[in-house]
Amino acid sequence: MVAIKAVAHFSIPVSDIPRSTRFYTEIVGCTHLSTVPGGQMAFLDAAGTCLILVKRDSPINPVLDDHGGVHHSFAVAHEDYRSALEHLRAHGVEITFEEDRQGGVLNGPRAYFHDPDGTVLEFIDLTSYAGSPVRQRSGADEAWCRYHGRT
């Protein structure tokens, strides 16, 4: 069996690299690392994991609906969770669904929203992962590190 250490990167298709780069940096909280010459891809840092925005033709998601399970989730520190949701609203981003899911694999309050191309995103106050008995109410950092196999 292969023993992976972490997720190195993930990619999200977007129709407009500059617009999506602004959204993922100013709204979601990623850090811009680089945009390739020609502007077909932008590399962002998402709390230690590389997020690559990849240019594709519109429409990316022709039907804006619930995610049906397909989405990208960003852990937010417990003490910042409510202000993160207010930040979304202040920037005109609609929160499409909120819940506090407990007793599953990934637990904690969460809110879903769309990027400019309709990709479903989630902010989560990750209180536990995979049944960990320790409730991470001081923030998502320790849970995130355990989740990604980092110390």
C-alpha atoms as a PDB file:
ATOM      1  CA  MET A   1       0.000   0.000   0.000  1.00  0.00           C
ATOM      2  CA  VAL A   2       1.170   3.561  -0.723  1.00  0.00           C
ATOM      3  CA  ALA A   3       1.568   5.760   2.352  1.00  0.00           C
ATOM      4  CA  ILE A   4       0.672   9.281   1.269  1.00  0.00           C
ATOM      5  CA  LYS A   5       1.786  12.145   3.531  1.00  0.00           C
ATOM      6  CA  ALA A   6      -0.632  14.894   2.539  1.00  0.00           C
ATOM      7  CA  VAL A   7      -2.688  16.400  -0.245  1.00  0.00           C
ATOM      8  CA  ALA A   8      -0.146  18.368  -2.306  1.00  0.00           C
ATOM      9  CA  HIS A   9      -2.679  20.318  -4.364  1.00  0.00           C
ATOM     10  CA  PHE A  10      -6.167  20.343  -5.752  1.00  0.00           C
ATOM     11  CA  SER A  11      -7.563  22.139  -8.780  1.00  0.00           C
ATOM     12  CA  ILE A  12     -10.750  24.095  -9.344  1.00  0.00           C
ATOM     13  CA  PRO A  13     -11.911  24.995 -12.860  1.00  0.00           C
ATOM     14  CA  VAL A  14     -12.732  28.689 -13.335  1.00  0.00           C
ATOM     15  CA  SER A  15     -13.808  30.810 -16.296  1.00  0.00           C
ATOM     16  CA  ASP A  16     -11.903  33.982 -15.341  1.00  0.00           C
ATOM     17  CA  ILE A  17      -8.525  33.636 -13.601  1.00  0.00           C
ATOM     18  CA  PRO A  18      -8.210  37.253 -12.335  1.00  0.00           C
ATOM     19  CA  ARG A  19     -11.801  37.338 -10.997  1.00  0.00           C
ATOM     20  CA  SER A  20     -11.447  33.957  -9.284  1.00  0.00           C
ATOM     21  CA  THR A  21      -8.019  34.831  -7.897  1.00  0.00           C
ATOM     22  CA  ARG A  22      -9.571  37.918  -6.270  1.00  0.00           C
ATOM     23  CA  PHE A  23     -12.462  35.833  -4.913  1.00  0.00           C
ATOM     24  CA  TYR A  24     -10.271  33.085  -3.446  1.00  0.00           C
ATOM     25  CA  THR A  25      -7.813  35.585  -1.911  1.00  0.00           C
ATOM     26  CA  GLU A  26     -10.122  38.409  -0.778  1.00  0.00           C
ATOM     27  CA  ILE A  27     -13.205  36.358   0.128  1.00  0.00           C
ATOM     28  CA  VAL A  28     -12.017  32.822   0.959  1.00  0.00           C
ATOM     29  CA  GLY A  29      -8.672  33.824   2.503  1.00  0.00           C
ATOM     30  CA  CYS A  30      -6.108  32.067   0.306  1.00  0.00           C
ATOM     31  CA  THR A  31      -2.755  33.641  -0.552  1.00  0.00           C
ATOM     32  CA  HIS A  32      -1.720  34.199  -4.168  1.00  0.00           C
ATOM     33  CA  LEU A  33       1.561  32.465  -5.016  1.00  0.00           C
ATOM     34  CA  SER A  34       1.889  32.770  -8.788  1.00  0.00           C
ATOM     35  CA  THR A  35       0.001  33.060 -12.055  1.00  0.00           C
ATOM     36  CA  VAL A  36       1.544  31.297 -15.048  1.00  0.00           C
ATOM     37  CA  PRO A  37       2.483  33.341 -18.110  1.00  0.00           C
ATOM     38  CA  GLY A  38      -0.579  33.550 -20.317  1.00  0.00           C
ATOM     39  CA  GLY A  39      -2.827  33.479 -17.258  1.00  0.00           C
ATOM     40  CA  GLN A  40      -4.213  29.955 -17.714  1.00  0.00           C
ATOM     41  CA  MET A  41      -3.502  28.876 -14.133  1.00  0.00           C
ATOM     42  CA  ALA A  42      -3.083  30.577 -10.775  1.00  0.00           C
ATOM     43  CA  PHE A  43      -1.450  28.953  -7.765  1.00  0.00           C
ATOM     44  CA  LEU A  44      -2.796  29.843  -4.333  1.00  0.00           C
ATOM     45  CA  ASP A  45      -1.912  28.707  -0.846  1.00  0.00           C
ATOM     46  CA  ALA A  46      -4.912  27.433   1.132  1.00  0.00           C
ATOM     47  CA  ALA A  47      -3.521  27.058   4.676  1.00  0.00           C
ATOM     48  CA  GLY A  48      -0.613  24.887   3.568  1.00  0.00           C
ATOM     49  CA  THR A  49      -2.236  23.108   0.626  1.00  0.00           C
ATOM     50  CA  CYS A  50      -1.812  24.387  -2.914  1.00  0.00           C
ATOM     51  CA  LEU A  51      -5.037  25.330  -4.692  1.00  0.00           C
ATOM     52  CA  ILE A  52      -4.693  25.656  -8.466  1.00  0.00           C
ATOM     53  CA  LEU A  53      -7.268  27.694 -10.362  1.00  0.00           C
ATOM     54  CA  VAL A  54      -7.402  26.332 -13.913  1.00  0.00           C
ATOM     55  CA  LYS A  55      -8.934  28.301 -16.802  1.00  0.00           C
ATOM     56  CA  ARG A  56     -11.804  26.517 -18.529  1.00  0.00           C
ATOM     57  CA  ASP A  57     -14.579  27.678 -20.843  1.00  0.00           C
ATOM     58  CA  SER A  58     -17.896  28.842 -19.356  1.00  0.00           C
ATOM     59  CA  PRO A  59     -20.162  27.651 -18.051  1.00  0.00           C
ATOM     60  CA  ILE A  60     -18.261  25.780 -15.356  1.00  0.00           C
ATOM     61  CA  ASN A  61     -21.404  24.825 -13.427  1.00  0.00           C
ATOM     62  CA  PRO A  62     -24.378  25.515 -15.709  1.00  0.00           C
ATOM     63  CA  VAL A  63     -26.931  24.724 -12.985  1.00  0.00           C
ATOM     64  CA  LEU A  64     -26.491  26.380  -9.610  1.00  0.00           C
ATOM     65  CA  ASP A  65     -27.868  23.866  -7.154  1.00  0.00           C
ATOM     66  CA  ASP A  66     -26.840  22.076  -4.016  1.00  0.00           C
ATOM     67  CA  HIS A  67     -23.546  20.279  -4.152  1.00  0.00           C
ATOM     68  CA  GLY A  68     -24.862  16.747  -4.028  1.00  0.00           C
ATOM     69  CA  GLY A  69     -21.783  16.046  -1.934  1.00  0.00           C
ATOM     70  CA  VAL A  70     -19.282  17.617  -4.358  1.00  0.00           C
ATOM     71  CA  HIS A  71     -17.616  20.653  -2.807  1.00  0.00           C
ATOM     72  CA  HIS A  72     -14.365  22.016  -1.388  1.00  0.00           C
ATOM     73  CA  SER A  73     -14.155  22.687   2.339  1.00  0.00           C
ATOM     74  CA  PHE A  74     -11.989  25.243   4.140  1.00  0.00           C
ATOM     75  CA  ALA A  75     -11.492  24.942   7.907  1.00  0.00           C
ATOM     76  CA  VAL A  76     -11.839  28.185   9.845  1.00  0.00           C
ATOM     77  CA  ALA A  77     -10.730  28.666  13.452  1.00  0.00           C
ATOM     78  CA  HIS A  78     -13.583  28.371  15.948  1.00  0.00           C
ATOM     79  CA  GLU A  79     -13.140  31.941  17.149  1.00  0.00           C
ATOM     80  CA  ASP A  80     -13.243  33.225  13.542  1.00  0.00           C
ATOM     81  CA  TYR A  81     -16.142  31.151  12.209  1.00  0.00           C
ATOM     82  CA  ARG A  82     -18.995  33.643  12.765  1.00  0.00           C
ATOM     83  CA  SER A  83     -16.935  36.563  11.446  1.00  0.00           C
ATOM     84  CA  ALA A  84     -16.011  34.471   8.369  1.00  0.00           C
ATOM     85  CA  LEU A  85     -19.715  34.084   7.586  1.00  0.00           C
ATOM     86  CA  GLU A  86     -20.275  37.812   8.120  1.00  0.00           C
ATOM     87  CA  HIS A  87     -17.325  38.455   5.781  1.00  0.00           C
ATOM     88  CA  LEU A  88     -19.069  36.406   3.080  1.00  0.00           C
ATOM     89  CA  ARG A  89     -22.326  38.303   3.535  1.00  0.00           C
ATOM     90  CA  ALA A  90     -20.559  41.681   3.583  1.00  0.00           C
ATOM     91  CA  HIS A  91     -19.085  40.850   0.183  1.00  0.00           C
ATOM     92  CA  GLY A  92     -22.424  39.813  -1.308  1.00  0.00           C
ATOM     93  CA  VAL A  93     -21.784  36.071  -1.130  1.00  0.00           C
ATOM     94  CA  GLU A  94     -24.969  34.140  -0.395  1.00  0.00           C
ATOM     95  CA  ILE A  95     -24.749  31.370   2.177  1.00  0.00           C
ATOM     96  CA  THR A  96     -26.899  28.664   0.627  1.00  0.00           C
ATOM     97  CA  PHE A  97     -27.032  26.242   3.561  1.00  0.00           C
ATOM     98  CA  GLU A  98     -25.852  26.089   7.177  1.00  0.00           C
ATOM     99  CA  GLU A  99     -25.790  23.226   9.641  1.00  0.00           C
ATOM    100  CA  ASP A 100     -23.954  21.942  12.697  1.00  0.00           C
ATOM    101  CA  ARG A 101     -23.265  18.306  11.862  1.00  0.00           C
ATOM    102  CA  GLN A 102     -22.117  16.111  14.741  1.00  0.00           C
ATOM    103  CA  GLY A 103     -21.549  12.384  15.134  1.00  0.00           C
ATOM    104  CA  GLY A 104     -20.019  11.805  11.723  1.00  0.00           C
ATOM    105  CA  VAL A 105     -16.544  11.733  10.230  1.00  0.00           C
ATOM    106  CA  LEU A 106     -16.100  15.515   9.903  1.00  0.00           C
ATOM    107  CA  ASN A 107     -17.921  17.383  12.650  1.00  0.00           C
ATOM    108  CA  GLY A 108     -18.736  20.987  13.338  1.00  0.00           C
ATOM    109  CA  PRO A 109     -20.752  23.968  12.200  1.00  0.00           C
ATOM    110  CA  ARG A 110     -20.489  24.593   8.472  1.00  0.00           C
ATOM    111  CA  ALA A 111     -21.819  26.931   5.819  1.00  0.00           C
ATOM    112  CA  TYR A 112     -21.964  26.410   2.060  1.00  0.00           C
ATOM    113  CA  PHE A 113     -21.615  29.061  -0.644  1.00  0.00           C
ATOM    114  CA  HIS A 114     -20.636  29.347  -4.325  1.00  0.00           C
ATOM    115  CA  ASP A 115     -17.596  30.790  -6.038  1.00  0.00           C
ATOM    116  CA  PRO A 116     -18.187  33.071  -9.071  1.00  0.00           C
ATOM    117  CA  ASP A 117     -18.491  30.025 -11.359  1.00  0.00           C
ATOM    118  CA  GLY A 118     -20.928  28.170  -9.116  1.00  0.00           C
ATOM    119  CA  THR A 119     -18.476  25.729  -7.539  1.00  0.00           C
ATOM    120  CA  VAL A 120     -19.740  24.861  -4.067  1.00  0.00           C
ATOM    121  CA  LEU A 121     -17.448  25.805  -1.195  1.00  0.00           C
ATOM    122  CA  GLU A 122     -17.741  25.312   2.537  1.00  0.00           C
ATOM    123  CA  PHE A 123     -16.407  27.049   5.629  1.00  0.00           C
ATOM    124  CA  ILE A 124     -16.291  24.647   8.583  1.00  0.00           C
ATOM    125  CA  ASP A 125     -15.480  25.100  12.254  1.00  0.00           C
ATOM    126  CA  LEU A 126     -13.904  21.631  12.389  1.00  0.00           C
ATOM    127  CA  THR A 127     -14.503  20.356  15.907  1.00  0.00           C
ATOM    128  CA  SER A 128     -13.431  16.778  15.270  1.00  0.00           C
ATOM    129  CA  TYR A 129     -12.321  14.490  12.507  1.00  0.00           C
ATOM    130  CA  ALA A 130     -12.844  10.701  12.298  1.00  0.00           C
ATOM    131  CA  GLY A 131     -14.193  10.349  15.808  1.00  0.00           C
ATOM    132  CA  SER A 132     -11.317  12.080  17.573  1.00  0.00           C
ATOM    133  CA  PRO A 133     -12.295  12.315  21.246  1.00  0.00           C
ATOM    134  CA  VAL A 134     -10.708  15.774  21.553  1.00  0.00           C
ATOM    135  CA  ARG A 135     -13.048  18.614  20.681  1.00  0.00           C
ATOM    136  CA  GLN A 136     -10.998  21.350  19.005  1.00  0.00           C
ATOM    137  CA  ARG A 137     -12.845  24.425  20.276  1.00  0.00           C
ATOM    138  CA  SER A 138      -9.707  26.556  20.471  1.00  0.00           C
ATOM    139  CA  GLY A 139      -9.594  26.553  16.684  1.00  0.00           C
ATOM    140  CA  ALA A 140      -9.319  24.303  13.679  1.00  0.00           C
ATOM    141  CA  ASP A 141      -5.532  24.355  13.491  1.00  0.00           C
ATOM    142  CA  GLU A 142      -4.792  21.181  15.483  1.00  0.00           C
ATOM    143  CA  ALA A 143      -7.618  19.230  13.837  1.00  0.00           C
ATOM    144  CA  TRP A 144      -6.434  20.419  10.435  1.00  0.00           C
ATOM    145  CA  CYS A 145      -2.866  19.268  11.181  1.00  0.00           C
ATOM    146  CA  ARG A 146      -4.052  15.830  12.339  1.00  0.00           C
ATOM    147  CA  TYR A 147      -6.312  15.595   9.288  1.00  0.00           C
ATOM    148  CA  HIS A 148      -3.361  16.333   7.008  1.00  0.00           C
ATOM    149  CA  GLY A 149      -0.844  14.220   8.933  1.00  0.00           C
ATOM    150  CA  ARG A 150       1.191  17.249   9.992  1.00  0.00           C
ATOM    151  CA  THR A 151       2.491  18.294  13.379  1.00  0.00           C
END
